Amino acid sequence: MNGAPPPRIVLVQTQAENAGAQQISRLLAADFVARGFDVRQLFFFRRTASFDASPDVEFCAMERPSGPLSLLRFVFSLYSRLRSIRPDVVVTFQHYGNMIGAPIARLAGVRRVIANQVSAAPMMWRPVVVADKLLGRFGAYDRIVVNSDHTQEMFEAYPAAYRKRILRIDHGFEDKTLSIGKAEARARLALPLGVPLLGCAARLHPLKQLDAAIAMLPLIEGAHLALAGQGVDLPRLEALARDLSVSERVHFLGELGPEKIGIFLAALDCFVFPSSAETFGLAPVEAAQVGLPVVANDLSVLRDVLSVEGEPCAIFVDARDPAAFAKAVRLVLDDAALAARLGAVGRRLKQRYPLSAMTDSYAQLIHALIDGGHADRN
């Protein structure tokens, strides 16, 4: 590739917000820019202001398309932008990002498409699953990246033509550890001092089961719960907190940018993660890495990801059982030795999931696709 122009890459996402898949594309974009790539991040629509300050970001629509006309305008905008940018490689994320982004990229003349399977199975509508299977089988995706053993197992029964395109690249992450005291961190976020503070960073969506975290709060005397995130489930969660008479102990912080997540984690005594479906679980991994004890829903993918050399850095529990959930949280709050042991294992996750391993793997994949395809853009 000596003398060739730098690879032109477009990262295609669904909605612009500060969530796990968006964080991965943000990290990849920053790394690609540092490598000298020509990078754009293209979102279907803008949900929050989390990407507004990024110079390489474009939105096909300023809000979610809600009818046939707005959907048609969005599709035309996506096609026109890809046609104008003329990327060497398009990298799509999430099920709708793959299903919509890949075929439109092909129509716009893009020769190489990398799809990312980072959506949990319960999030995917059956017709979307069928469409994705067909797209992968017949070559709309050149490669299909999966991020864990659990995700790879989702495709074991897929056609061989689909499975041969699959490549395993584990998520990497930024270490959110800060040299800041708990009192200062809580003061910055207007969180209470002198109380046990539980927390979770997640979209406010029913699949995240944050109602389970609120439901166990009455069983932990004096404890407070801080939720960092935005989403459609906010009214229901607020109503539940009122019904259980714990409104004053539940703190809805809204969406926090990446620069504030470290402050949020520094403020907590325990990170709780009751999510019902994940393909990786970036949020609890980041929490465990800073040394926080984690209590997570008992999902096989979380048992795998939240461990180092077979040693867990979290306690796993049926999050839909308030008594069991509360008992596990009280255990880490009351047993300093246990909390320290979990935290010590968690800090080793950085060695299991180094950011450089993820970004190097994507860069190598991009170069391999371009070199194999003999890029010839003008």
Protein backbone atom coordinates (compact mmCIF):
# COMPACT_ATOMS: atom_id res chain seq x y z
CA MET A 1 0.00 0.00 0.00
CA ASN A 2 3.09 2.26 -0.26
CA GLY A 3 2.16 5.50 -2.01
CA ALA A 4 -1.55 4.72 -1.87
CA PRO A 5 -3.95 7.19 -0.25
CA PRO A 6 -4.96 6.37 3.32
CA PRO A 7 -7.90 4.00 3.71
CA ARG A 8 -11.21 5.83 3.70
CA ILE A 9 -13.45 4.27 6.35
CA VAL A 10 -17.08 4.91 7.27
CA LEU A 11 -18.43 3.55 10.56
CA VAL A 12 -22.21 3.16 10.26
CA GLN A 13 -24.32 3.14 13.43
CA THR A 14 -28.01 3.36 14.12
CA GLN A 15 -28.65 6.05 16.74
CA ALA A 16 -26.13 8.52 18.13
CA GLU A 17 -26.02 8.05 21.90
CA ASN A 18 -23.49 7.02 24.52
CA ALA A 19 -24.07 3.25 24.64
CA GLY A 20 -21.83 0.20 24.30
CA ALA A 21 -21.80 -0.26 20.52
CA GLN A 22 -21.38 3.48 20.01
CA GLN A 23 -18.47 3.48 22.44
CA ILE A 24 -16.74 0.78 20.39
CA SER A 25 -17.13 2.75 17.16
CA ARG A 26 -15.90 5.89 18.96
CA LEU A 27 -12.76 4.04 20.09
CA LEU A 28 -12.18 2.60 16.62
CA ALA A 29 -12.62 5.99 14.99
CA ALA A 30 -10.07 7.60 17.32
CA ASP A 31 -7.56 4.82 16.67
CA PHE A 32 -8.09 4.90 12.91
CA VAL A 33 -7.53 8.67 12.83
CA ALA A 34 -4.29 8.18 14.80
CA ARG A 35 -3.20 5.66 12.14
CA GLY A 36 -3.78 8.25 9.43
CA PHE A 37 -7.01 6.75 8.06
CA ASP A 38 -9.66 9.02 6.57
CA VAL A 39 -12.58 8.34 8.93
CA ARG A 40 -16.26 9.29 9.10
CA GLN A 41 -18.86 8.17 11.62
CA LEU A 42 -22.30 8.06 10.02
CA PHE A 43 -25.40 7.69 12.21
CA PHE A 44 -28.89 6.91 11.01
CA PHE A 45 -30.28 9.51 13.41
CA ARG A 46 -29.34 11.67 16.39
CA ARG A 47 -30.79 10.52 19.71
CA THR A 48 -28.67 12.58 22.12
CA ALA A 49 -25.93 15.20 21.96
CA SER A 50 -23.19 12.71 22.79
CA PHE A 51 -21.55 12.91 19.34
CA ASP A 52 -22.33 16.53 18.48
CA ALA A 53 -18.80 17.76 19.15
CA SER A 54 -17.09 15.07 17.06
CA PRO A 55 -15.75 16.59 13.82
CA ASP A 56 -15.97 13.34 11.85
CA VAL A 57 -19.66 12.64 12.62
CA GLU A 58 -22.64 13.01 10.29
CA PHE A 59 -26.34 12.29 10.88
CA CYS A 60 -28.65 11.04 8.14
CA ALA A 61 -31.60 12.38 10.14
CA MET A 62 -31.86 14.55 13.23
CA GLU A 63 -34.51 12.33 14.78
CA ARG A 64 -35.73 8.77 14.34
CA PRO A 65 -37.72 8.34 11.09
CA SER A 66 -41.37 7.91 12.07
CA GLY A 67 -43.26 7.51 8.82
CA PRO A 68 -42.89 6.45 5.17
CA LEU A 69 -41.79 9.88 3.95
CA SER A 70 -39.19 10.43 6.68
CA LEU A 71 -37.96 6.86 6.19
CA LEU A 72 -37.55 7.48 2.46
CA ARG A 73 -35.64 10.71 3.16
CA PHE A 74 -33.38 8.86 5.59
CA VAL A 75 -32.61 6.08 3.10
CA PHE A 76 -31.83 8.62 0.38
CA SER A 77 -29.60 10.58 2.77
CA LEU A 78 -27.68 7.44 3.74
CA TYR A 79 -27.23 6.43 0.10
CA SER A 80 -26.21 9.95 -0.98
CA ARG A 81 -23.66 10.35 1.81
CA LEU A 82 -22.03 6.99 1.10
CA ARG A 83 -22.05 7.72 -2.62
CA SER A 84 -20.37 11.07 -1.97
CA ILE A 85 -17.77 9.79 0.53
CA ARG A 86 -16.89 6.74 -1.58
CA PRO A 87 -15.29 4.78 1.27
CA ASP A 88 -12.91 1.89 0.79
CA VAL A 89 -14.58 0.04 3.65
CA VAL A 90 -17.87 0.46 5.50
CA VAL A 91 -18.09 -0.97 9.02
CA THR A 92 -21.67 -1.45 10.25
CA PHE A 93 -22.85 -1.97 13.82
CA GLN A 94 -25.96 -3.50 15.43
CA HIS A 95 -28.68 -5.44 13.67
CA TYR A 96 -30.37 -2.52 11.91
CA GLY A 97 -27.00 -0.98 11.10
CA ASN A 98 -26.07 -4.23 9.35
CA MET A 99 -29.41 -4.94 7.72
CA ILE A 100 -29.93 -1.42 6.35
CA GLY A 101 -26.38 -0.13 6.12
CA ALA A 102 -24.81 -3.02 4.20
CA PRO A 103 -27.20 -3.25 1.22
CA ILE A 104 -27.36 0.52 0.83
CA ALA A 105 -23.56 0.67 0.95
CA ARG A 106 -23.46 -1.91 -1.85
CA LEU A 107 -25.95 0.10 -3.88
CA ALA A 108 -23.79 3.18 -3.34
CA GLY A 109 -20.82 1.34 -4.84
CA VAL A 110 -18.95 0.33 -1.67
CA ARG A 111 -16.89 -2.78 -2.40
CA ARG A 112 -16.06 -3.91 1.14
CA VAL A 113 -18.41 -4.18 4.14
CA ILE A 114 -17.61 -5.41 7.66
CA ALA A 115 -20.68 -6.19 9.77
CA ASN A 116 -20.58 -6.28 13.57
CA GLN A 117 -22.91 -8.62 15.44
CA VAL A 118 -23.18 -6.84 18.80
CA SER A 119 -26.96 -7.09 19.35
CA ALA A 120 -28.36 -9.63 21.80
CA ALA A 121 -30.79 -12.11 20.26
CA PRO A 122 -33.90 -10.87 22.19
CA MET A 123 -33.39 -7.41 20.69
CA MET A 124 -33.76 -8.66 17.13
CA TRP A 125 -37.16 -8.86 15.43
CA ARG A 126 -37.61 -12.18 13.63
CA PRO A 127 -37.80 -10.68 10.10
CA VAL A 128 -34.54 -8.83 10.84
CA VAL A 129 -32.88 -12.11 11.81
CA VAL A 130 -34.04 -13.69 8.54
CA ALA A 131 -32.85 -10.70 6.51
CA ASP A 132 -29.46 -10.72 8.24
CA LYS A 133 -29.04 -14.42 7.56
CA LEU A 134 -29.73 -13.89 3.86
CA LEU A 135 -27.42 -10.87 3.63
CA GLY A 136 -24.56 -12.78 5.22
CA ARG A 137 -25.17 -15.90 3.18
CA PHE A 138 -25.18 -14.11 -0.17
CA GLY A 139 -22.24 -11.78 0.41
CA ALA A 140 -23.62 -8.41 1.48
CA TYR A 141 -21.03 -8.64 4.28
CA ASP A 142 -17.42 -9.48 3.45
CA ARG A 143 -16.66 -10.27 7.08
CA ILE A 144 -18.87 -10.58 10.17
CA VAL A 145 -17.23 -9.68 13.48
CA VAL A 146 -18.43 -11.28 16.72
CA ASN A 147 -17.24 -10.15 20.15
CA SER A 148 -17.47 -13.22 22.44
CA ASP A 149 -17.91 -16.99 22.56
CA HIS A 150 -21.57 -16.42 23.38
CA THR A 151 -22.11 -14.30 20.28
CA GLN A 152 -20.31 -16.77 18.06
CA GLU A 153 -22.49 -19.59 19.37
CA MET A 154 -25.59 -17.68 18.19
CA PHE A 155 -24.61 -18.52 14.61
CA GLU A 156 -23.72 -22.20 14.95
CA ALA A 157 -26.82 -23.29 13.04
CA TYR A 158 -26.45 -20.66 10.30
CA PRO A 159 -25.54 -21.66 6.72
CA ALA A 160 -21.88 -22.41 6.09
CA ALA A 161 -21.73 -19.51 3.62
CA TYR A 162 -22.58 -17.18 6.51
CA ARG A 163 -20.35 -18.80 9.12
CA LYS A 164 -17.25 -18.75 6.92
CA ARG A 165 -17.33 -14.94 7.04
CA ILE A 166 -17.30 -14.79 10.87
CA LEU A 167 -14.25 -13.40 12.64
CA ARG A 168 -13.86 -13.19 16.43
CA ILE A 169 -12.58 -9.84 17.76
CA ASP A 170 -13.21 -9.30 21.45
CA HIS A 171 -14.15 -5.81 22.58
CA GLY A 172 -11.37 -3.69 24.01
CA PHE A 173 -12.02 -0.80 26.35
CA GLU A 174 -10.54 2.30 27.91
CA ASP A 175 -9.50 2.03 31.55
CA LYS A 176 -11.83 4.43 33.41
CA THR A 177 -9.74 4.45 36.61
CA LEU A 178 -9.31 7.97 38.03
CA SER A 179 -7.23 9.26 40.91
CA ILE A 180 -10.23 10.87 42.59
CA GLY A 181 -11.76 10.24 45.99
CA LYS A 182 -15.26 8.91 46.48
CA ALA A 183 -16.44 12.07 48.22
CA GLU A 184 -15.20 14.32 45.42
CA ALA A 185 -16.71 12.06 42.75
CA ARG A 186 -20.10 12.13 44.46
CA ALA A 187 -19.94 15.89 44.91
CA ARG A 188 -19.29 16.38 41.18
CA LEU A 189 -22.40 14.37 40.33
CA ALA A 190 -24.55 15.71 43.19
CA LEU A 191 -24.81 12.26 44.75
CA PRO A 192 -25.27 11.74 48.52
CA LEU A 193 -22.34 11.25 50.86
CA GLY A 194 -22.22 8.81 53.75
CA VAL A 195 -24.56 6.20 52.25
CA PRO A 196 -23.97 2.88 50.46
CA LEU A 197 -24.21 3.77 46.78
CA LEU A 198 -25.06 1.24 44.08
CA GLY A 199 -24.95 2.15 40.43
CA CYS A 200 -25.41 1.05 36.85
CA ALA A 201 -24.55 2.65 33.52
CA ALA A 202 -26.98 1.45 30.86
CA ARG A 203 -29.68 2.55 28.46
CA LEU A 204 -33.02 2.83 30.22
CA HIS A 205 -34.61 -0.02 28.28
CA PRO A 206 -36.77 -2.92 29.52
CA LEU A 207 -34.15 -5.49 28.44
CA LYS A 208 -31.68 -3.93 30.87
CA GLN A 209 -34.06 -4.86 33.74
CA LEU A 210 -33.17 -1.81 35.80
CA ASP A 211 -36.51 -2.26 37.52
CA ALA A 212 -34.88 -5.25 39.26
CA ALA A 213 -32.26 -2.96 40.78
CA ILE A 214 -34.97 -0.63 42.06
CA ALA A 215 -37.08 -3.54 43.34
CA MET A 216 -34.32 -4.82 45.63
CA LEU A 217 -33.53 -1.37 47.04
CA PRO A 218 -36.12 -1.56 49.90
CA LEU A 219 -34.29 -4.68 51.11
CA ILE A 220 -30.97 -2.83 51.65
CA GLU A 221 -31.37 -0.35 54.46
CA GLY A 222 -30.08 3.13 53.66
CA ALA A 223 -28.66 2.24 50.25
CA HIS A 224 -29.07 4.54 47.25
CA LEU A 225 -29.05 3.69 43.55
CA ALA A 226 -27.58 5.89 40.79
CA LEU A 227 -28.54 5.17 37.18
CA ALA A 228 -26.48 6.71 34.38
CA GLY A 229 -28.35 6.53 31.08
CA GLN A 230 -31.34 7.67 29.07
CA GLY A 231 -34.09 5.81 27.31
CA VAL A 232 -37.73 4.92 26.88
CA ASP A 233 -38.01 3.10 30.22
CA LEU A 234 -37.52 6.22 32.35
CA PRO A 235 -41.22 6.89 33.14
CA ARG A 236 -41.81 3.28 34.20
CA LEU A 237 -38.72 3.23 36.39
CA GLU A 238 -39.66 6.52 38.03
CA ALA A 239 -43.16 5.19 38.71
CA LEU A 240 -41.77 2.01 40.26
CA ALA A 241 -39.50 4.00 42.55
CA ARG A 242 -42.53 6.02 43.71
CA ASP A 243 -44.63 2.89 44.24
CA LEU A 244 -41.89 1.33 46.38
CA SER A 245 -41.36 4.60 48.31
CA VAL A 246 -37.69 4.79 47.32
CA SER A 247 -37.82 7.80 44.99
CA GLU A 248 -35.49 9.77 47.26
CA ARG A 249 -32.96 6.95 47.06
CA VAL A 250 -32.94 6.55 43.27
CA HIS A 251 -30.89 9.08 41.30
CA PHE A 252 -31.46 9.34 37.55
CA LEU A 253 -28.35 11.07 36.20
CA GLY A 254 -29.25 10.98 32.52
CA GLU A 255 -26.68 10.18 29.85
CA LEU A 256 -23.07 10.71 30.93
CA GLY A 257 -20.35 11.23 28.37
CA PRO A 258 -17.28 8.96 28.32
CA GLU A 259 -15.29 11.56 30.23
CA LYS A 260 -17.74 11.39 33.14
CA ILE A 261 -18.14 7.61 33.42
CA GLY A 262 -14.88 7.38 35.36
CA ILE A 263 -16.21 9.91 37.87
CA PHE A 264 -19.45 7.94 38.13
CA LEU A 265 -17.63 4.68 38.82
CA ALA A 266 -15.38 6.36 41.40
CA ALA A 267 -18.50 7.43 43.31
CA LEU A 268 -19.91 3.91 43.74
CA ASP A 269 -19.57 1.17 46.34
CA CYS A 270 -21.01 -1.56 44.08
CA PHE A 271 -21.89 -1.82 40.40
CA VAL A 272 -25.10 -3.72 39.68
CA PHE A 273 -25.94 -5.08 36.24
CA PRO A 274 -29.33 -6.83 35.99
CA SER A 275 -29.47 -6.87 32.17
CA SER A 276 -31.44 -9.77 30.66
CA ALA A 277 -29.45 -10.08 27.42
CA GLU A 278 -25.92 -9.14 26.33
CA THR A 279 -23.34 -10.12 23.73
CA PHE A 280 -20.42 -8.82 25.81
CA GLY A 281 -21.29 -6.42 28.64
CA LEU A 282 -18.94 -3.46 28.24
CA ALA A 283 -20.35 -1.49 31.18
CA PRO A 284 -19.69 -4.10 33.91
CA VAL A 285 -16.26 -4.82 32.41
CA GLU A 286 -15.34 -1.15 32.74
CA ALA A 287 -16.70 -1.11 36.30
CA ALA A 288 -14.78 -4.22 37.33
CA GLN A 289 -11.56 -2.85 35.79
CA VAL A 290 -11.58 0.17 38.15
CA GLY A 291 -11.79 -2.24 41.08
CA LEU A 292 -15.49 -2.07 41.85
CA PRO A 293 -17.25 -5.21 43.07
CA VAL A 294 -19.90 -6.18 40.51
CA VAL A 295 -23.19 -8.01 41.07
CA ALA A 296 -24.55 -9.14 37.70
CA ASN A 297 -27.45 -11.12 36.34
CA ASP A 298 -26.53 -14.77 35.89
CA LEU A 299 -25.97 -14.85 32.13
CA SER A 300 -23.48 -17.26 30.58
CA VAL A 301 -21.89 -14.47 28.56
CA LEU A 302 -21.32 -12.39 31.71
CA ARG A 303 -19.84 -15.38 33.56
CA ASP A 304 -17.38 -15.74 30.69
CA VAL A 305 -16.52 -12.10 30.17
CA LEU A 306 -16.32 -11.12 33.86
CA SER A 307 -13.53 -13.54 34.71
CA VAL A 308 -9.77 -13.77 34.36
CA GLU A 309 -8.16 -17.20 33.96
CA GLY A 310 -11.31 -18.80 35.35
CA GLU A 311 -11.49 -16.53 38.41
CA PRO A 312 -14.67 -14.39 38.56
CA CYS A 313 -14.62 -10.67 39.29
CA ALA A 314 -18.37 -10.53 39.95
CA ILE A 315 -21.10 -12.26 41.90
CA PHE A 316 -23.81 -13.72 39.68
CA VAL A 317 -27.43 -13.92 40.76
CA ASP A 318 -30.96 -14.18 39.39
CA ALA A 319 -31.68 -10.47 39.13
CA ARG A 320 -35.44 -11.10 38.97
CA ASP A 321 -35.33 -12.43 42.54
CA PRO A 322 -35.21 -9.27 44.71
CA ALA A 323 -34.22 -11.15 47.87
CA ALA A 324 -31.34 -12.96 46.18
CA PHE A 325 -30.20 -9.79 44.39
CA ALA A 326 -30.25 -7.79 47.63
CA LYS A 327 -28.44 -10.55 49.54
CA ALA A 328 -25.58 -10.56 47.02
CA VAL A 329 -25.27 -6.77 47.13
CA ARG A 330 -25.28 -6.73 50.93
CA LEU A 331 -22.56 -9.37 50.87
CA VAL A 332 -20.11 -7.19 48.94
CA LEU A 333 -21.09 -4.09 50.94
CA ASP A 334 -20.49 -5.85 54.27
CA ASP A 335 -17.47 -8.01 53.39
CA ALA A 336 -14.53 -5.73 52.61
CA ALA A 337 -12.23 -8.68 51.92
CA LEU A 338 -14.62 -10.12 49.33
CA ALA A 339 -15.04 -6.73 47.65
CA ALA A 340 -11.26 -6.28 47.53
CA ARG A 341 -10.77 -9.78 46.09
CA LEU A 342 -13.32 -9.17 43.32
CA GLY A 343 -11.78 -5.79 42.61
CA ALA A 344 -8.28 -7.25 42.35
CA VAL A 345 -9.45 -9.76 39.73
CA GLY A 346 -11.41 -7.08 37.90
CA ARG A 347 -8.35 -4.88 37.48
CA ARG A 348 -6.77 -7.68 35.46
CA LEU A 349 -9.46 -7.44 32.77
CA LYS A 350 -7.35 -4.82 31.03
CA GLN A 351 -4.86 -7.57 30.23
CA ARG A 352 -7.61 -9.87 28.95
CA TYR A 353 -9.27 -7.21 26.76
CA PRO A 354 -6.57 -4.70 25.77
CA LEU A 355 -7.82 -1.88 23.59
CA SER A 356 -4.83 -2.24 21.29
CA ALA A 357 -5.72 -5.86 20.49
CA MET A 358 -9.16 -4.82 19.26
CA THR A 359 -7.99 -1.82 17.22
CA ASP A 360 -5.03 -3.70 15.73
CA SER A 361 -7.34 -6.55 14.65
CA TYR A 362 -9.74 -4.17 12.91
CA ALA A 363 -6.90 -2.31 11.20
CA GLN A 364 -5.39 -5.59 9.97
CA LEU A 365 -8.79 -6.70 8.68
CA ILE A 366 -9.29 -3.44 6.81
CA HIS A 367 -5.85 -3.63 5.19
CA ALA A 368 -6.41 -7.27 4.25
CA LEU A 369 -9.72 -6.46 2.56
CA ILE A 370 -8.27 -3.50 0.67
CA ASP A 371 -5.12 -5.33 -0.39
CA GLY A 372 -7.15 -8.33 -1.45
CA GLY A 373 -9.56 -6.18 -3.42
CA HIS A 374 -6.96 -3.96 -5.16
CA ALA A 375 -8.58 -0.63 -4.24
CA ASP A 376 -8.77 1.72 -7.18
CA ARG A 377 -10.62 4.84 -6.08
CA ASN A 378 -9.94 8.14 -7.81
